[in-house]
């Protein structure tokens, strides 16, 4: 399935992530089975979370994020929202990926459901 950029590019955020590859198996001279998939999965999660942090910062700048103790809000974001990043994504597509000897790199464009994210941040005040 091919993803296309939305018509409103203002809602697109870019995140970058990297996942560590396992060392080459000296017996076979190749990556261990699944190493690339695990590293790519980790890189995608990091990229999504980076974009999510941008979305939260944008909502905060607009006054649509939780108020109160900044440290408590940061803890709420880390514990409650970031693990659920995928729940808030409307659309995402890869704009770049590659690898070197140690890492797999991914760059994603992400569009979030800002209404749902704003509602989740508002629950922090409740």
PDB file of N, CA and C in Angstrom:
ATOM      1  N   UNK A   1       0.845  -1.180   0.000  1.00  0.00           N
ATOM      2  CA  UNK A   1       0.000   0.000   0.000  1.00  0.00           C
ATOM      3  C   UNK A   1       0.885   1.235   0.000  1.00  0.00           C
ATOM      4  N   UNK A   2       0.621   2.150  -0.875  1.00  0.00           N
ATOM      5  CA  UNK A   2       1.426   3.349  -0.992  1.00  0.00           C
ATOM      6  C   UNK A   2       0.766   4.478  -0.209  1.00  0.00           C
ATOM      7  N   UNK A   3       1.571   5.208   0.553  1.00  0.00           N
ATOM      8  CA  UNK A   3       1.055   6.338   1.327  1.00  0.00           C
ATOM      9  C   UNK A   3       1.369   7.629   0.584  1.00  0.00           C
ATOM     10  N   UNK A   4       0.460   8.552   0.647  1.00  0.00           N
ATOM     11  CA  UNK A   4       0.642   9.854   0.021  1.00  0.00           C
ATOM     12  C   UNK A   4       0.565  10.934   1.077  1.00  0.00           C
ATOM     13  N   UNK A   5       1.241  12.010   0.825  1.00  0.00           N
ATOM     14  CA  UNK A   5       1.207  13.138   1.739  1.00  0.00           C
ATOM     15  C   UNK A   5      -0.192  13.731   1.766  1.00  0.00           C
ATOM     16  N   UNK A   6      -0.632  14.212   2.930  1.00  0.00           N
ATOM     17  CA  UNK A   6      -1.952  14.815   3.012  1.00  0.00           C
ATOM     18  C   UNK A   6      -1.980  16.155   2.292  1.00  0.00           C
ATOM     19  N   UNK A   7      -3.181  16.637   2.017  1.00  0.00           N
ATOM     20  CA  UNK A   7      -3.309  17.905   1.311  1.00  0.00           C
ATOM     21  C   UNK A   7      -2.927  19.088   2.195  1.00  0.00           C
ATOM     22  N   UNK A   8      -2.944  18.918   3.531  1.00  0.00           N
ATOM     23  CA  UNK A   8      -2.560  19.979   4.458  1.00  0.00           C
ATOM     24  C   UNK A   8      -1.163  19.693   5.002  1.00  0.00           C
ATOM     25  N   UNK A   9      -0.115  20.204   4.335  1.00  0.00           N
ATOM     26  CA  UNK A   9       1.225  19.896   4.795  1.00  0.00           C
ATOM     27  C   UNK A   9       1.562  20.527   6.132  1.00  0.00           C
ATOM     28  N   UNK A  10       0.755  21.454   6.631  1.00  0.00           N
ATOM     29  CA  UNK A  10       0.988  22.073   7.927  1.00  0.00           C
ATOM     30  C   UNK A  10       0.861  21.088   9.070  1.00  0.00           C
ATOM     31  N   UNK A  11       0.131  19.993   8.870  1.00  0.00           N
ATOM     32  CA  UNK A  11      -0.050  19.005   9.921  1.00  0.00           C
ATOM     33  C   UNK A  11       0.976  17.888   9.885  1.00  0.00           C
ATOM     34  N   UNK A  12       1.931  17.980   8.980  1.00  0.00           N
ATOM     35  CA  UNK A  12       2.937  16.931   8.825  1.00  0.00           C
ATOM     36  C   UNK A  12       4.138  17.241   9.718  1.00  0.00           C
ATOM     37  N   UNK A  13       4.526  16.269  10.514  1.00  0.00           N
ATOM     38  CA  UNK A  13       5.711  16.400  11.356  1.00  0.00           C
ATOM     39  C   UNK A  13       6.704  15.328  10.940  1.00  0.00           C
ATOM     40  N   UNK A  14       7.979  15.634  11.043  1.00  0.00           N
ATOM     41  CA  UNK A  14       9.021  14.698  10.649  1.00  0.00           C
ATOM     42  C   UNK A  14       9.775  14.219  11.876  1.00  0.00           C
ATOM     43  N   UNK A  15       9.946  12.916  11.963  1.00  0.00           N
ATOM     44  CA  UNK A  15      10.721  12.329  13.052  1.00  0.00           C
ATOM     45  C   UNK A  15      11.808  11.430  12.494  1.00  0.00           C
ATOM     46  N   UNK A  16      12.919  11.400  13.209  1.00  0.00           N
ATOM     47  CA  UNK A  16      14.026  10.540  12.816  1.00  0.00           C
ATOM     48  C   UNK A  16      14.339   9.587  13.948  1.00  0.00           C
ATOM     49  N   UNK A  17      14.721   8.358  13.598  1.00  0.00           N
ATOM     50  CA  UNK A  17      15.075   7.374  14.604  1.00  0.00           C
ATOM     51  C   UNK A  17      16.153   6.449  14.089  1.00  0.00           C
ATOM     52  N   UNK A  18      16.761   5.737  15.030  1.00  0.00           N
ATOM     53  CA  UNK A  18      17.762   4.752  14.653  1.00  0.00           C
ATOM     54  C   UNK A  18      17.646   3.552  15.577  1.00  0.00           C
ATOM     55  N   UNK A  19      17.915   2.408  15.022  1.00  0.00           N
ATOM     56  CA  UNK A  19      17.907   1.169  15.781  1.00  0.00           C
ATOM     57  C   UNK A  19      19.237   0.466  15.608  1.00  0.00           C
ATOM     58  N   UNK A  20      19.736  -0.068  16.683  1.00  0.00           N
ATOM     59  CA  UNK A  20      21.043  -0.720  16.637  1.00  0.00           C
ATOM     60  C   UNK A  20      20.940  -2.115  16.038  1.00  0.00           C
ATOM     61  N   UNK A  21      21.847  -2.393  15.119  1.00  0.00           N
ATOM     62  CA  UNK A  21      21.941  -3.711  14.510  1.00  0.00           C
ATOM     63  C   UNK A  21      22.808  -4.605  15.388  1.00  0.00           C
ATOM     64  N   UNK A  22      22.512  -5.892  15.394  1.00  0.00           N
ATOM     65  CA  UNK A  22      23.354  -6.843  16.112  1.00  0.00           C
ATOM     66  C   UNK A  22      24.646  -7.039  15.337  1.00  0.00           C
ATOM     67  N   UNK A  23      25.724  -7.333  16.034  1.00  0.00           N
ATOM     68  CA  UNK A  23      26.994  -7.556  15.322  1.00  0.00           C
ATOM     69  C   UNK A  23      26.887  -8.735  14.354  1.00  0.00           C
ATOM     70  N   UNK A  24      27.707  -8.697  13.352  1.00  0.00           N
ATOM     71  CA  UNK A  24      27.768  -9.776  12.359  1.00  0.00           C
ATOM     72  C   UNK A  24      28.166 -11.074  13.066  1.00  0.00           C
ATOM     73  N   UNK A  25      27.473 -12.119  12.744  1.00  0.00           N
ATOM     74  CA  UNK A  25      27.789 -13.435  13.300  1.00  0.00           C
ATOM     75  C   UNK A  25      29.093 -13.926  12.656  1.00  0.00           C
ATOM     76  N   UNK A  26      30.143 -14.134  13.464  1.00  0.00           N
ATOM     77  CA  UNK A  26      31.429 -14.531  12.868  1.00  0.00           C
ATOM     78  C   UNK A  26      31.389 -15.900  12.183  1.00  0.00           C
ATOM     79  N   UNK A  27      30.447 -16.742  12.590  1.00  0.00           N
ATOM     80  CA  UNK A  27      30.355 -18.074  11.963  1.00  0.00           C
ATOM     81  C   UNK A  27      29.811 -18.008  10.554  1.00  0.00           C
ATOM     82  N   UNK A  28      28.861 -17.084  10.323  1.00  0.00           N
ATOM     83  CA  UNK A  28      28.220 -17.007   9.006  1.00  0.00           C
ATOM     84  C   UNK A  28      28.669 -15.801   8.189  1.00  0.00           C
ATOM     85  N   UNK A  29      29.225 -14.775   8.878  1.00  0.00           N
ATOM     86  CA  UNK A  29      29.611 -13.558   8.173  1.00  0.00           C
ATOM     87  C   UNK A  29      28.424 -12.682   7.808  1.00  0.00           C
ATOM     88  N   UNK A  30      27.248 -12.954   8.424  1.00  0.00           N
ATOM     89  CA  UNK A  30      26.021 -12.189   8.124  1.00  0.00           C
ATOM     90  C   UNK A  30      25.404 -11.672   9.417  1.00  0.00           C
ATOM     91  N   UNK A  31      24.420 -10.772   9.243  1.00  0.00           N
ATOM     92  CA  UNK A  31      23.628 -10.319  10.382  1.00  0.00           C
ATOM     93  C   UNK A  31      22.871 -11.498  10.961  1.00  0.00           C
ATOM     94  N   UNK A  32      22.703 -11.553  12.280  1.00  0.00           N
ATOM     95  CA  UNK A  32      21.845 -12.598  12.840  1.00  0.00           C
ATOM     96  C   UNK A  32      20.427 -12.463  12.285  1.00  0.00           C
ATOM     97  N   UNK A  33      19.721 -13.571  12.193  1.00  0.00           N
ATOM     98  CA  UNK A  33      18.359 -13.571  11.649  1.00  0.00           C
ATOM     99  C   UNK A  33      17.488 -12.564  12.384  1.00  0.00           C
ATOM    100  N   UNK A  34      16.808 -11.718  11.648  1.00  0.00           N
ATOM    101  CA  UNK A  34      15.880 -10.758  12.228  1.00  0.00           C
ATOM    102  C   UNK A  34      16.513  -9.478  12.721  1.00  0.00           C
ATOM    103  N   UNK A  35      17.828  -9.361  12.691  1.00  0.00           N
ATOM    104  CA  UNK A  35      18.495  -8.167  13.216  1.00  0.00           C
ATOM    105  C   UNK A  35      18.027  -6.896  12.512  1.00  0.00           C
ATOM    106  N   UNK A  36      17.961  -6.938  11.192  1.00  0.00           N
ATOM    107  CA  UNK A  36      17.533  -5.757  10.437  1.00  0.00           C
ATOM    108  C   UNK A  36      16.092  -5.381  10.756  1.00  0.00           C
ATOM    109  N   UNK A  37      15.217  -6.386  10.879  1.00  0.00           N
ATOM    110  CA  UNK A  37      13.812  -6.104  11.194  1.00  0.00           C
ATOM    111  C   UNK A  37      13.668  -5.487  12.578  1.00  0.00           C
ATOM    112  N   UNK A  38      14.395  -6.024  13.554  1.00  0.00           N
ATOM    113  CA  UNK A  38      14.325  -5.468  14.914  1.00  0.00           C
ATOM    114  C   UNK A  38      14.883  -4.057  14.956  1.00  0.00           C
ATOM    115  N   UNK A  39      15.996  -3.825  14.275  1.00  0.00           N
ATOM    116  CA  UNK A  39      16.601  -2.493  14.251  1.00  0.00           C
ATOM    117  C   UNK A  39      15.678  -1.497  13.549  1.00  0.00           C
ATOM    118  N   UNK A  40      15.048  -1.920  12.447  1.00  0.00           N
ATOM    119  CA  UNK A  40      14.126  -1.025  11.735  1.00  0.00           C
ATOM    120  C   UNK A  40      12.917  -0.705  12.600  1.00  0.00           C
ATOM    121  N   UNK A  41      12.374  -1.715  13.284  1.00  0.00           N
ATOM    122  CA  UNK A  41      11.237  -1.483  14.176  1.00  0.00           C
ATOM    123  C   UNK A  41      11.569  -0.482  15.270  1.00  0.00           C
ATOM    124  N   UNK A  42      12.733  -0.608  15.839  1.00  0.00           N
ATOM    125  CA  UNK A  42      13.177   0.327  16.867  1.00  0.00           C
ATOM    126  C   UNK A  42      13.326   1.737  16.296  1.00  0.00           C
ATOM    127  N   UNK A  43      13.896   1.847  15.108  1.00  0.00           N
ATOM    128  CA  UNK A  43      14.070   3.149  14.463  1.00  0.00           C
ATOM    129  C   UNK A  43      12.724   3.802  14.158  1.00  0.00           C
ATOM    130  N   UNK A  44      11.761   3.020  13.701  1.00  0.00           N
ATOM    131  CA  UNK A  44      10.418   3.547  13.412  1.00  0.00           C
ATOM    132  C   UNK A  44       9.763   4.058  14.694  1.00  0.00           C
ATOM    133  N   UNK A  45       9.861   3.284  15.784  1.00  0.00           N
ATOM    134  CA  UNK A  45       9.283   3.734  17.062  1.00  0.00           C
ATOM    135  C   UNK A  45       9.920   5.034  17.526  1.00  0.00           C
ATOM    136  N   UNK A  46      11.230   5.133  17.418  1.00  0.00           N
ATOM    137  CA  UNK A  46      11.919   6.364  17.821  1.00  0.00           C
ATOM    138  C   UNK A  46      11.476   7.544  16.961  1.00  0.00           C
ATOM    139  N   UNK A  47      11.347   7.333  15.664  1.00  0.00           N
ATOM    140  CA  UNK A  47      10.922   8.406  14.762  1.00  0.00           C
ATOM    141  C   UNK A  47       9.502   8.859  15.084  1.00  0.00           C
ATOM    142  N   UNK A  48       8.606   7.903  15.351  1.00  0.00           N
ATOM    143  CA  UNK A  48       7.220   8.248  15.710  1.00  0.00           C
ATOM    144  C   UNK A  48       7.194   9.041  17.016  1.00  0.00           C
ATOM    145  N   UNK A  49       7.973   8.613  18.000  1.00  0.00           N
ATOM    146  CA  UNK A  49       7.999   9.320  19.276  1.00  0.00           C
ATOM    147  C   UNK A  49       8.590  10.713  19.130  1.00  0.00           C
ATOM    148  N   UNK A  50       9.593  10.869  18.282  1.00  0.00           N
ATOM    149  CA  UNK A  50      10.165  12.196  18.041  1.00  0.00           C
ATOM    150  C   UNK A  50       9.113  13.123  17.431  1.00  0.00           C
ATOM    151  N   UNK A  51       8.350  12.603  16.475  1.00  0.00           N
ATOM    152  CA  UNK A  51       7.286  13.400  15.864  1.00  0.00           C
ATOM    153  C   UNK A  51       6.192  13.703  16.883  1.00  0.00           C
ATOM    154  N   UNK A  52       5.875  12.735  17.752  1.00  0.00           N
ATOM    155  CA  UNK A  52       4.854  12.935  18.794  1.00  0.00           C
ATOM    156  C   UNK A  52       5.274  14.058  19.742  1.00  0.00           C
ATOM    157  N   UNK A  53       6.542  14.089  20.119  1.00  0.00           N
ATOM    158  CA  UNK A  53       7.033  15.168  20.987  1.00  0.00           C
ATOM    159  C   UNK A  53       6.846  16.525  20.307  1.00  0.00           C
ATOM    160  N   UNK A  54       7.080  16.571  18.998  1.00  0.00           N
ATOM    161  CA  UNK A  54       6.859  17.807  18.251  1.00  0.00           C
ATOM    162  C   UNK A  54       5.381  18.200  18.271  1.00  0.00           C
ATOM    163  N   UNK A  55       4.507  17.217  18.101  1.00  0.00           N
ATOM    164  CA  UNK A  55       3.066  17.490  18.108  1.00  0.00           C
ATOM    165  C   UNK A  55       2.633  18.027  19.467  1.00  0.00           C
ATOM    166  N   UNK A  56       3.144  17.442  20.535  1.00  0.00           N
ATOM    167  CA  UNK A  56       2.801  17.905  21.882  1.00  0.00           C
ATOM    168  C   UNK A  56       3.328  19.317  22.106  1.00  0.00           C
ATOM    169  N   UNK A  57       4.544  19.583  21.654  1.00  0.00           N
ATOM    170  CA  UNK A  57       5.109  20.929  21.789  1.00  0.00           C
ATOM    171  C   UNK A  57       4.280  21.947  21.007  1.00  0.00           C
ATOM    172  N   UNK A  58       3.821  21.544  19.828  1.00  0.00           N
ATOM    173  CA  UNK A  58       2.987  22.444  19.018  1.00  0.00           C
ATOM    174  C   UNK A  58       1.664  22.737  19.740  1.00  0.00           C
ATOM    175  N   UNK A  59       1.046  21.692  20.312  1.00  0.00           N
ATOM    176  CA  UNK A  59      -0.204  21.888  21.059  1.00  0.00           C
ATOM    177  C   UNK A  59       0.033  22.777  22.278  1.00  0.00           C
ATOM    178  N   UNK A  60       1.152  22.594  22.945  1.00  0.00           N
ATOM    179  CA  UNK A  60       1.477  23.427  24.114  1.00  0.00           C
ATOM    180  C   UNK A  60       1.633  24.885  23.698  1.00  0.00           C
ATOM    181  N   UNK A  61       2.286  25.128  22.570  1.00  0.00           N
ATOM    182  CA  UNK A  61       2.461  26.494  22.074  1.00  0.00           C
ATOM    183  C   UNK A  61       1.126  27.149  21.731  1.00  0.00           C
ATOM    184  N   UNK A  62       0.172  26.316  21.325  1.00  0.00           N
ATOM    185  CA  UNK A  62      -1.167  26.816  21.001  1.00  0.00           C
ATOM    186  C   UNK A  62      -2.064  26.892  22.232  1.00  0.00           C
ATOM    187  N   UNK A  63      -1.533  26.481  23.386  1.00  0.00           N
ATOM    188  CA  UNK A  63      -2.320  26.495  24.620  1.00  0.00           C
ATOM    189  C   UNK A  63      -3.297  25.347  24.731  1.00  0.00           C
ATOM    190  N   UNK A  64      -3.064  24.263  23.982  1.00  0.00           N
ATOM    191  CA  UNK A  64      -3.992  23.116  24.009  1.00  0.00           C
ATOM    192  C   UNK A  64      -3.394  21.894  24.698  1.00  0.00           C
ATOM    193  N   UNK A  65      -2.370  22.106  25.500  1.00  0.00           N
ATOM    194  CA  UNK A  65      -1.760  20.991  26.236  1.00  0.00           C
ATOM    195  C   UNK A  65      -2.103  21.159  27.712  1.00  0.00           C
ATOM    196  N   UNK A  66      -1.848  20.129  28.484  1.00  0.00           N
ATOM    197  CA  UNK A  66      -2.115  20.170  29.916  1.00  0.00           C
ATOM    198  C   UNK A  66      -1.356  21.294  30.599  1.00  0.00           C
ATOM    199  N   UNK A  67      -1.933  21.798  31.633  1.00  0.00           N
ATOM    200  CA  UNK A  67      -1.303  22.866  32.395  1.00  0.00           C
ATOM    201  C   UNK A  67      -0.893  22.330  33.751  1.00  0.00           C
ATOM    202  N   UNK A  68      -0.175  23.143  34.485  1.00  0.00           N
ATOM    203  CA  UNK A  68       0.210  22.745  35.831  1.00  0.00           C
ATOM    204  C   UNK A  68       1.683  22.446  35.906  1.00  0.00           C
ATOM    205  N   UNK A  69       2.040  21.612  36.844  1.00  0.00           N
ATOM    206  CA  UNK A  69       3.424  21.270  37.117  1.00  0.00           C
ATOM    207  C   UNK A  69       4.070  20.656  35.876  1.00  0.00           C
ATOM    208  N   UNK A  70       5.085  21.332  35.342  1.00  0.00           N
ATOM    209  CA  UNK A  70       5.758  20.872  34.132  1.00  0.00           C
ATOM    210  C   UNK A  70       6.395  19.512  34.292  1.00  0.00           C
ATOM    211  N   UNK A  71       6.956  19.265  35.471  1.00  0.00           N
ATOM    212  CA  UNK A  71       7.594  17.972  35.715  1.00  0.00           C
ATOM    213  C   UNK A  71       6.564  16.843  35.718  1.00  0.00           C
ATOM    214  N   UNK A  72       5.417  17.081  36.329  1.00  0.00           N
ATOM    215  CA  UNK A  72       4.351  16.073  36.335  1.00  0.00           C
ATOM    216  C   UNK A  72       3.807  15.848  34.927  1.00  0.00           C
ATOM    217  N   UNK A  73       3.668  16.928  34.158  1.00  0.00           N
ATOM    218  CA  UNK A  73       3.196  16.800  32.779  1.00  0.00           C
ATOM    219  C   UNK A  73       4.192  15.988  31.959  1.00  0.00           C
ATOM    220  N   UNK A  74       5.487  16.267  32.114  1.00  0.00           N
ATOM    221  CA  UNK A  74       6.507  15.499  31.401  1.00  0.00           C
ATOM    222  C   UNK A  74       6.423  14.022  31.751  1.00  0.00           C
ATOM    223  N   UNK A  75       6.220  13.720  33.036  1.00  0.00           N
ATOM    224  CA  UNK A  75       6.106  12.332  33.473  1.00  0.00           C
ATOM    225  C   UNK A  75       4.864  11.678  32.862  1.00  0.00           C
ATOM    226  N   UNK A  76       3.742  12.422  32.821  1.00  0.00           N
ATOM    227  CA  UNK A  76       2.508  11.921  32.212  1.00  0.00           C
ATOM    228  C   UNK A  76       2.743  11.602  30.738  1.00  0.00           C
ATOM    229  N   UNK A  77       3.426  12.488  30.039  1.00  0.00           N
ATOM    230  CA  UNK A  77       3.700  12.281  28.618  1.00  0.00           C
ATOM    231  C   UNK A  77       4.559  11.039  28.425  1.00  0.00           C
ATOM    232  N   UNK A  78       5.619  10.902  29.230  1.00  0.00           N
ATOM    233  CA  UNK A  78       6.529   9.759  29.112  1.00  0.00           C
ATOM    234  C   UNK A  78       5.842   8.436  29.434  1.00  0.00           C
ATOM    235  N   UNK A  79       5.045   8.412  30.490  1.00  0.00           N
ATOM    236  CA  UNK A  79       4.443   7.156  30.948  1.00  0.00           C
ATOM    237  C   UNK A  79       3.135   6.798  30.259  1.00  0.00           C
ATOM    238  N   UNK A  80       2.332   7.792  29.940  1.00  0.00           N
ATOM    239  CA  UNK A  80       0.983   7.524  29.433  1.00  0.00           C
ATOM    240  C   UNK A  80       0.819   7.725  27.923  1.00  0.00           C
ATOM    241  N   UNK A  81       1.470   8.746  27.381  1.00  0.00           N
ATOM    242  CA  UNK A  81       1.217   9.073  25.972  1.00  0.00           C
ATOM    243  C   UNK A  81       2.224   8.450  25.005  1.00  0.00           C
ATOM    244  N   UNK A  82       3.510   8.572  25.292  1.00  0.00           N
ATOM    245  CA  UNK A  82       4.497   8.047  24.344  1.00  0.00           C
ATOM    246  C   UNK A  82       4.344   6.544  24.083  1.00  0.00           C
ATOM    247  N   UNK A  83       4.035   5.728  25.098  1.00  0.00           N
ATOM    248  CA  UNK A  83       3.812   4.308  24.783  1.00  0.00           C
ATOM    249  C   UNK A  83       2.611   4.076  23.856  1.00  0.00           C
ATOM    250  N   UNK A  84       1.724   5.057  23.768  1.00  0.00           N
ATOM    251  CA  UNK A  84       0.528   4.943  22.917  1.00  0.00           C
ATOM    252  C   UNK A  84       0.639   5.785  21.648  1.00  0.00           C
ATOM    253  N   UNK A  85       1.838   6.151  21.267  1.00  0.00           N
ATOM    254  CA  UNK A  85       2.035   7.020  20.103  1.00  0.00           C
ATOM    255  C   UNK A  85       1.256   6.535  18.887  1.00  0.00           C
ATOM    256  N   UNK A  86       1.323   5.250  18.596  1.00  0.00           N
ATOM    257  CA  UNK A  86       0.655   4.710  17.406  1.00  0.00           C
ATOM    258  C   UNK A  86      -0.851   4.947  17.438  1.00  0.00           C
ATOM    259  N   UNK A  87      -1.444   5.044  18.637  1.00  0.00           N
ATOM    260  CA  UNK A  87      -2.881   5.284  18.753  1.00  0.00           C
ATOM    261  C   UNK A  87      -3.292   6.657  18.227  1.00  0.00           C
ATOM    262  N   UNK A  88      -2.360   7.591  18.212  1.00  0.00           N
ATOM    263  CA  UNK A  88      -2.671   8.966  17.810  1.00  0.00           C
ATOM    264  C   UNK A  88      -2.285   9.268  16.361  1.00  0.00           C
ATOM    265  N   UNK A  89      -1.705   8.314  15.674  1.00  0.00           N
ATOM    266  CA  UNK A  89      -1.256   8.547  14.300  1.00  0.00           C
ATOM    267  C   UNK A  89      -2.401   8.318  13.325  1.00  0.00           C
ATOM    268  N   UNK A  90      -2.647   9.322  12.491  1.00  0.00           N
ATOM    269  CA  UNK A  90      -3.629   9.182  11.412  1.00  0.00           C
ATOM    270  C   UNK A  90      -2.977   8.585  10.168  1.00  0.00           C
ATOM    271  N   UNK A  91      -1.760   9.046   9.899  1.00  0.00           N
ATOM    272  CA  UNK A  91      -1.064   8.650   8.680  1.00  0.00           C
ATOM    273  C   UNK A  91       0.436   8.789   8.909  1.00  0.00           C
ATOM    274  N   UNK A  92       1.203   7.914   8.299  1.00  0.00           N
ATOM    275  CA  UNK A  92       2.658   8.051   8.335  1.00  0.00           C
ATOM    276  C   UNK A  92       3.235   7.456   7.064  1.00  0.00           C
ATOM    277  N   UNK A  93       4.369   7.972   6.642  1.00  0.00           N
ATOM    278  CA  UNK A  93       5.056   7.416   5.501  1.00  0.00           C
ATOM    279  C   UNK A  93       6.552   7.661   5.644  1.00  0.00           C
ATOM    280  N   UNK A  94       7.314   6.700   5.141  1.00  0.00           N
ATOM    281  CA  UNK A  94       8.767   6.752   5.218  1.00  0.00           C
ATOM    282  C   UNK A  94       9.274   7.686   4.129  1.00  0.00           C
ATOM    283  N   UNK A  95      10.138   8.620   4.518  1.00  0.00           N
ATOM    284  CA  UNK A  95      10.748   9.520   3.536  1.00  0.00           C
ATOM    285  C   UNK A  95      12.217   9.191   3.317  1.00  0.00           C
ATOM    286  N   UNK A  96      12.757   8.372   4.206  1.00  0.00           N
ATOM    287  CA  UNK A  96      14.144   7.957   4.034  1.00  0.00           C
ATOM    288  C   UNK A  96      14.499   6.840   4.994  1.00  0.00           C
ATOM    289  N   UNK A  97      15.337   5.954   4.552  1.00  0.00           N
ATOM    290  CA  UNK A  97      15.855   4.915   5.433  1.00  0.00           C
ATOM    291  C   UNK A  97      17.156   4.386   4.864  1.00  0.00           C
ATOM    292  N   UNK A  98      17.959   3.871   5.750  1.00  0.00           N
ATOM    293  CA  UNK A  98      19.246   3.332   5.340  1.00  0.00           C
ATOM    294  C   UNK A  98      19.934   2.719   6.545  1.00  0.00           C
ATOM    295  N   UNK A  99      21.142   2.274   6.339  1.00  0.00           N
ATOM    296  CA  UNK A  99      21.871   1.647   7.429  1.00  0.00           C
ATOM    297  C   UNK A  99      23.360   1.838   7.224  1.00  0.00           C
ATOM    298  N   UNK A 100      24.072   1.693   8.319  1.00  0.00           N
ATOM    299  CA  UNK A 100      25.518   1.603   8.249  1.00  0.00           C
ATOM    300  C   UNK A 100      25.892   0.312   8.971  1.00  0.00           C
ATOM    301  N   UNK A 101      27.113   0.182   9.407  1.00  0.00           N
ATOM    302  CA  UNK A 101      27.523  -1.069  10.043  1.00  0.00           C
ATOM    303  C   UNK A 101      26.854  -1.304  11.390  1.00  0.00           C
ATOM    304  N   UNK A 102      26.464  -0.227  12.086  1.00  0.00           N
ATOM    305  CA  UNK A 102      25.936  -0.371  13.446  1.00  0.00           C
ATOM    306  C   UNK A 102      24.453  -0.051  13.597  1.00  0.00           C
ATOM    307  N   UNK A 103      23.901   0.815  12.731  1.00  0.00           N
ATOM    308  CA  UNK A 103      22.545   1.299  12.938  1.00  0.00           C
ATOM    309  C   UNK A 103      21.699   1.253  11.667  1.00  0.00           C
ATOM    310  N   UNK A 104      20.389   1.153  11.896  1.00  0.00           N
ATOM    311  CA  UNK A 104      19.386   1.288  10.838  1.00  0.00           C
ATOM    312  C   UNK A 104      18.718   2.627  11.091  1.00  0.00           C
ATOM    313  N   UNK A 105      18.596   3.478  10.076  1.00  0.00           N
ATOM    314  CA  UNK A 105      18.044   4.823  10.217  1.00  0.00           C
ATOM    315  C   UNK A 105      16.730   4.940   9.454  1.00  0.00           C
ATOM    316  N   UNK A 106      15.765   5.640  10.062  1.00  0.00           N
ATOM    317  CA  UNK A 106      14.473   5.863   9.420  1.00  0.00           C
ATOM    318  C   UNK A 106      14.058   7.324   9.629  1.00  0.00           C
ATOM    319  N   UNK A 107      13.532   7.935   8.584  1.00  0.00           N
ATOM    320  CA  UNK A 107      12.913   9.255   8.675  1.00  0.00           C
ATOM    321  C   UNK A 107      11.465   9.086   8.229  1.00  0.00           C
ATOM    322  N   UNK A 108      10.545   9.546   9.080  1.00  0.00           N
ATOM    323  CA  UNK A 108       9.109   9.427   8.803  1.00  0.00           C
ATOM    324  C   UNK A 108       8.456  10.793   8.765  1.00  0.00           C
ATOM    325  N   UNK A 109       7.452  10.936   7.945  1.00  0.00           N
ATOM    326  CA  UNK A 109       6.505  12.040   8.047  1.00  0.00           C
ATOM    327  C   UNK A 109       5.273  11.463   8.724  1.00  0.00           C
ATOM    328  N   UNK A 110       4.741  12.205   9.679  1.00  0.00           N
ATOM    329  CA  UNK A 110       3.627  11.703  10.484  1.00  0.00           C
ATOM    330  C   UNK A 110       2.555  12.786  10.596  1.00  0.00           C
ATOM    331  N   UNK A 111       1.297  12.361  10.498  1.00  0.00           N
ATOM    332  CA  UNK A 111       0.148  13.229  10.753  1.00  0.00           C
ATOM    333  C   UNK A 111      -0.593  12.628  11.940  1.00  0.00           C
ATOM    334  N   UNK A 112      -0.787  13.434  12.974  1.00  0.00           N
ATOM    335  CA  UNK A 112      -1.455  12.972  14.189  1.00  0.00           C
ATOM    336  C   UNK A 112      -2.905  13.422  14.234  1.00  0.00           C
ATOM    337  N   UNK A 113      -3.712  12.680  14.975  1.00  0.00           N
ATOM    338  CA  UNK A 113      -5.073  13.079  15.308  1.00  0.00           C
ATOM    339  C   UNK A 113      -4.931  14.076  16.459  1.00  0.00           C
ATOM    340  N   UNK A 114      -4.812  15.348  16.113  1.00  0.00           N
ATOM    341  CA  UNK A 114      -4.527  16.360  17.137  1.00  0.00           C
ATOM    342  C   UNK A 114      -5.682  16.539  18.115  1.00  0.00           C
ATOM    343  N   UNK A 115      -6.909  16.284  17.675  1.00  0.00           N
ATOM    344  CA  UNK A 115      -8.045  16.392  18.591  1.00  0.00           C
ATOM    345  C   UNK A 115      -7.937  15.330  19.685  1.00  0.00           C
ATOM    346  N   UNK A 116      -7.605  14.099  19.307  1.00  0.00           N
ATOM    347  CA  UNK A 116      -7.465  13.026  20.297  1.00  0.00           C
ATOM    348  C   UNK A 116      -6.260  13.281  21.202  1.00  0.00           C
ATOM    349  N   UNK A 117      -5.177  13.765  20.634  1.00  0.00           N
ATOM    350  CA  UNK A 117      -3.987  14.059  21.430  1.00  0.00           C
ATOM    351  C   UNK A 117      -4.256  15.200  22.402  1.00  0.00           C
ATOM    352  N   UNK A 118      -4.942  16.228  21.930  1.00  0.00           N
ATOM    353  CA  UNK A 118      -5.311  17.346  22.807  1.00  0.00           C
ATOM    354  C   UNK A 118      -6.228  16.885  23.935  1.00  0.00           C
ATOM    355  N   UNK A 119      -7.187  16.006  23.608  1.00  0.00           N
ATOM    356  CA  UNK A 119      -8.100  15.473  24.630  1.00  0.00           C
ATOM    357  C   UNK A 119      -7.325  14.666  25.670  1.00  0.00           C
ATOM    358  N   UNK A 120      -6.339  13.897  25.221  1.00  0.00           N
ATOM    359  CA  UNK A 120      -5.523  13.100  26.160  1.00  0.00           C
ATOM    360  C   UNK A 120      -4.717  14.016  27.071  1.00  0.00           C
ATOM    361  N   UNK A 121      -4.197  15.092  26.527  1.00  0.00           N
ATOM    362  CA  UNK A 121      -3.441  16.048  27.337  1.00  0.00           C
ATOM    363  C   UNK A 121      -4.361  16.781  28.319  1.00  0.00           C
ATOM    364  N   UNK A 122      -5.583  17.043  27.898  1.00  0.00           N
ATOM    365  CA  UNK A 122      -6.550  17.708  28.773  1.00  0.00           C
ATOM    366  C   UNK A 122      -6.912  16.822  29.950  1.00  0.00           C
ATOM    367  N   UNK A 123      -6.959  15.500  29.726  1.00  0.00           N
ATOM    368  CA  UNK A 123      -7.252  14.577  30.827  1.00  0.00           C
ATOM    369  C   UNK A 123      -6.209  14.656  31.937  1.00  0.00           C
ATOM    370  N   UNK A 124      -5.014  15.108  31.604  1.00  0.00           N
ATOM    371  CA  UNK A 124      -3.976  15.275  32.617  1.00  0.00           C
ATOM    372  C   UNK A 124      -4.437  16.260  33.691  1.00  0.00           C
ATOM    373  N   UNK A 125      -5.196  17.279  33.291  1.00  0.00           N
ATOM    374  CA  UNK A 125      -5.674  18.296  34.240  1.00  0.00           C
ATOM    375  C   UNK A 125      -6.838  17.792  35.082  1.00  0.00           C
ATOM    376  N   UNK A 126      -7.527  16.751  34.569  1.00  0.00           N
ATOM    377  CA  UNK A 126      -8.727  16.265  35.217  1.00  0.00           C
ATOM    378  C   UNK A 126      -8.474  15.503  36.430  1.00  0.00           C
TER     379      UNK A 126
END
